[in-house]
C-alpha atoms as a PDB file:
ATOM      1  CA  MET A   1      72.809  42.025  43.543  1.00  0.00           C
ATOM      2  CA  ASN A   2      75.941  44.136  43.864  1.00  0.00           C
ATOM      3  CA  LEU A   3      76.420  47.035  46.280  1.00  0.00           C
ATOM      4  CA  GLY A   4      75.471  49.708  43.745  1.00  0.00           C
ATOM      5  CA  GLU A   5      72.253  47.929  42.834  1.00  0.00           C
ATOM      6  CA  ARG A   6      71.449  47.471  46.536  1.00  0.00           C
ATOM      7  CA  LEU A   7      72.024  51.179  47.203  1.00  0.00           C
ATOM      8  CA  ARG A   8      69.767  52.163  44.296  1.00  0.00           C
ATOM      9  CA  SER A   9      67.076  49.731  45.408  1.00  0.00           C
ATOM     10  CA  LEU A  10      67.139  51.020  49.000  1.00  0.00           C
ATOM     11  CA  ARG A  11      66.996  54.639  47.839  1.00  0.00           C
ATOM     12  CA  ARG A  12      64.001  53.958  45.618  1.00  0.00           C
ATOM     13  CA  LYS A  13      62.190  51.901  48.281  1.00  0.00           C
ATOM     14  CA  ASN A  14      62.587  54.875  50.606  1.00  0.00           C
ATOM     15  CA  ASN A  15      61.182  57.257  47.975  1.00  0.00           C
ATOM     16  CA  LEU A  16      64.337  59.359  47.845  1.00  0.00           C
ATOM     17  CA  SER A  17      65.784  61.041  44.788  1.00  0.00           C
ATOM     18  CA  GLN A  18      69.535  61.089  44.304  1.00  0.00           C
ATOM     19  CA  ASN A  19      69.422  64.773  45.289  1.00  0.00           C
ATOM     20  CA  ASP A  20      67.503  63.986  48.485  1.00  0.00           C
ATOM     21  CA  LEU A  21      69.999  61.312  49.501  1.00  0.00           C
ATOM     22  CA  ALA A  22      72.969  63.498  48.599  1.00  0.00           C
ATOM     23  CA  LYS A  23      71.669  66.187  50.963  1.00  0.00           C
ATOM     24  CA  LYS A  24      71.259  63.661  53.786  1.00  0.00           C
ATOM     25  CA  LEU A  25      74.804  62.350  53.226  1.00  0.00           C
ATOM     26  CA  ASN A  26      76.306  65.794  52.697  1.00  0.00           C
ATOM     27  CA  CYS A  27      77.686  64.857  49.297  1.00  0.00           C
ATOM     28  CA  THR A  28      76.837  65.469  45.644  1.00  0.00           C
ATOM     29  CA  LYS A  29      74.225  63.859  43.418  1.00  0.00           C
ATOM     30  CA  SER A  30      77.144  62.792  41.242  1.00  0.00           C
ATOM     31  CA  SER A  31      78.622  60.817  44.149  1.00  0.00           C
ATOM     32  CA  ILE A  32      75.323  59.005  44.677  1.00  0.00           C
ATOM     33  CA  SER A  33      75.196  58.170  40.973  1.00  0.00           C
ATOM     34  CA  MET A  34      78.771  56.846  41.057  1.00  0.00           C
ATOM     35  CA  TYR A  35      77.971  54.658  44.105  1.00  0.00           C
ATOM     36  CA  GLU A  36      74.879  53.246  42.429  1.00  0.00           C
ATOM     37  CA  ASN A  37      76.725  52.559  39.168  1.00  0.00           C
ATOM     38  CA  ASN A  38      79.706  50.960  40.948  1.00  0.00           C
ATOM     39  CA  HIS A  39      82.125  53.605  39.696  1.00  0.00           C
ATOM     40  CA  ARG A  40      83.040  54.543  43.259  1.00  0.00           C
ATOM     41  CA  ARG A  41      82.582  52.859  46.634  1.00  0.00           C
ATOM     42  CA  PRO A  42      81.187  54.853  49.556  1.00  0.00           C
ATOM     43  CA  SER A  43      83.542  55.381  52.477  1.00  0.00           C
ATOM     44  CA  ILE A  44      82.878  53.441  55.642  1.00  0.00           C
ATOM     45  CA  GLU A  45      81.509  56.627  57.201  1.00  0.00           C
ATOM     46  CA  LYS A  46      79.038  57.036  54.343  1.00  0.00           C
ATOM     47  CA  LEU A  47      78.025  53.371  54.635  1.00  0.00           C
ATOM     48  CA  ILE A  48      77.310  53.859  58.334  1.00  0.00           C
ATOM     49  CA  GLU A  49      75.190  56.913  57.517  1.00  0.00           C
ATOM     50  CA  LEU A  50      73.343  54.998  54.797  1.00  0.00           C
ATOM     51  CA  ALA A  51      72.533  52.198  57.234  1.00  0.00           C
ATOM     52  CA  LYS A  52      71.150  54.793  59.663  1.00  0.00           C
ATOM     53  CA  ILE A  53      69.107  56.549  56.967  1.00  0.00           C
ATOM     54  CA  TYR A  54      67.537  53.259  55.887  1.00  0.00           C
ATOM     55  CA  SER A  55      67.219  51.908  59.464  1.00  0.00           C
ATOM     56  CA  ILE A  56      69.104  48.729  58.627  1.00  0.00           C
ATOM     57  CA  ASP A  57      72.261  47.211  60.054  1.00  0.00           C
ATOM     58  CA  MET A  58      75.569  47.052  58.206  1.00  0.00           C
ATOM     59  CA  ASN A  59      75.189  43.318  57.515  1.00  0.00           C
ATOM     60  CA  THR A  60      71.974  43.972  55.669  1.00  0.00           C
ATOM     61  CA  LEU A  61      73.481  46.888  53.765  1.00  0.00           C
ATOM     62  CA  LEU A  62      76.648  45.084  52.721  1.00  0.00           C
ATOM     63  CA  LEU A  63      75.852  41.387  52.625  1.00  0.00           C
ATOM     64  CA  TRP A  64      72.195  40.666  52.138  1.00  0.00           C
ATOM     65  CA  GLN A  65      70.837  40.246  48.642  1.00  0.00           C
ATOM     66  CA  GLU A  66      67.297  40.991  47.575  1.00  0.00           C
ATOM     67  CA  GLU A  67      66.481  37.274  47.620  1.00  0.00           C
ATOM     68  CA  ASN A  68      67.606  37.111  51.291  1.00  0.00           C
ATOM     69  CA  SER A  69      70.687  35.052  50.540  1.00  0.00           C
ATOM     70  CA  LEU A  70      74.155  36.112  51.574  1.00  0.00           C
ATOM     71  CA  SER A  71      76.374  37.697  48.970  1.00  0.00           C
ATOM     72  CA  SER A  72      79.574  35.767  48.427  1.00  0.00           C
ATOM     73  CA  GLU A  73      81.608  38.882  47.731  1.00  0.00           C
ATOM     74  CA  ILE A  74      82.470  41.573  50.248  1.00  0.00           C
ATOM     75  CA  PRO A  75      84.666  44.353  48.879  1.00  0.00           C
ATOM     76  CA  LYS A  76      88.158  43.964  50.376  1.00  0.00           C
ATOM     77  CA  ASN A  77      88.518  47.653  51.250  1.00  0.00           C
ATOM     78  CA  ILE A  78      85.259  47.532  53.252  1.00  0.00           C
ATOM     79  CA  VAL A  79      86.431  44.497  55.228  1.00  0.00           C
ATOM     80  CA  GLU A  80      89.741  46.220  55.980  1.00  0.00           C
ATOM     81  CA  GLU A  81      88.074  49.470  57.056  1.00  0.00           C
ATOM     82  CA  LEU A  82      85.586  47.649  59.290  1.00  0.00           C
ATOM     83  CA  GLY A  83      88.479  45.777  60.883  1.00  0.00           C
ATOM     84  CA  GLU A  84      90.263  49.044  61.657  1.00  0.00           C
ATOM     85  CA  ILE A  85      87.138  50.582  63.181  1.00  0.00           C
ATOM     86  CA  THR A  86      86.548  47.591  65.455  1.00  0.00           C
ATOM     87  CA  LYS A  87      90.135  47.851  66.751  1.00  0.00           C
ATOM     88  CA  LYS A  88      89.515  51.399  67.994  1.00  0.00           C
END
């Protein structure tokens, strides 16, 4: 399961429409659609907010697949951004 599929699955499991989630993230429905269809990656700030909204940690949001096995692919830009945040 890729990040977009995971985001869609979490949104649906939490009974949120794309509009509902967009309001919570202070972004557009179009942005949510692009995240879910892997046309755009959410910023690290948006990922943190998503983890809070869904009451899950970042590892679960980014790494854990539906079958509870670790994903072998972490987007490089996410790894770099997380590294910068932890240095602060």
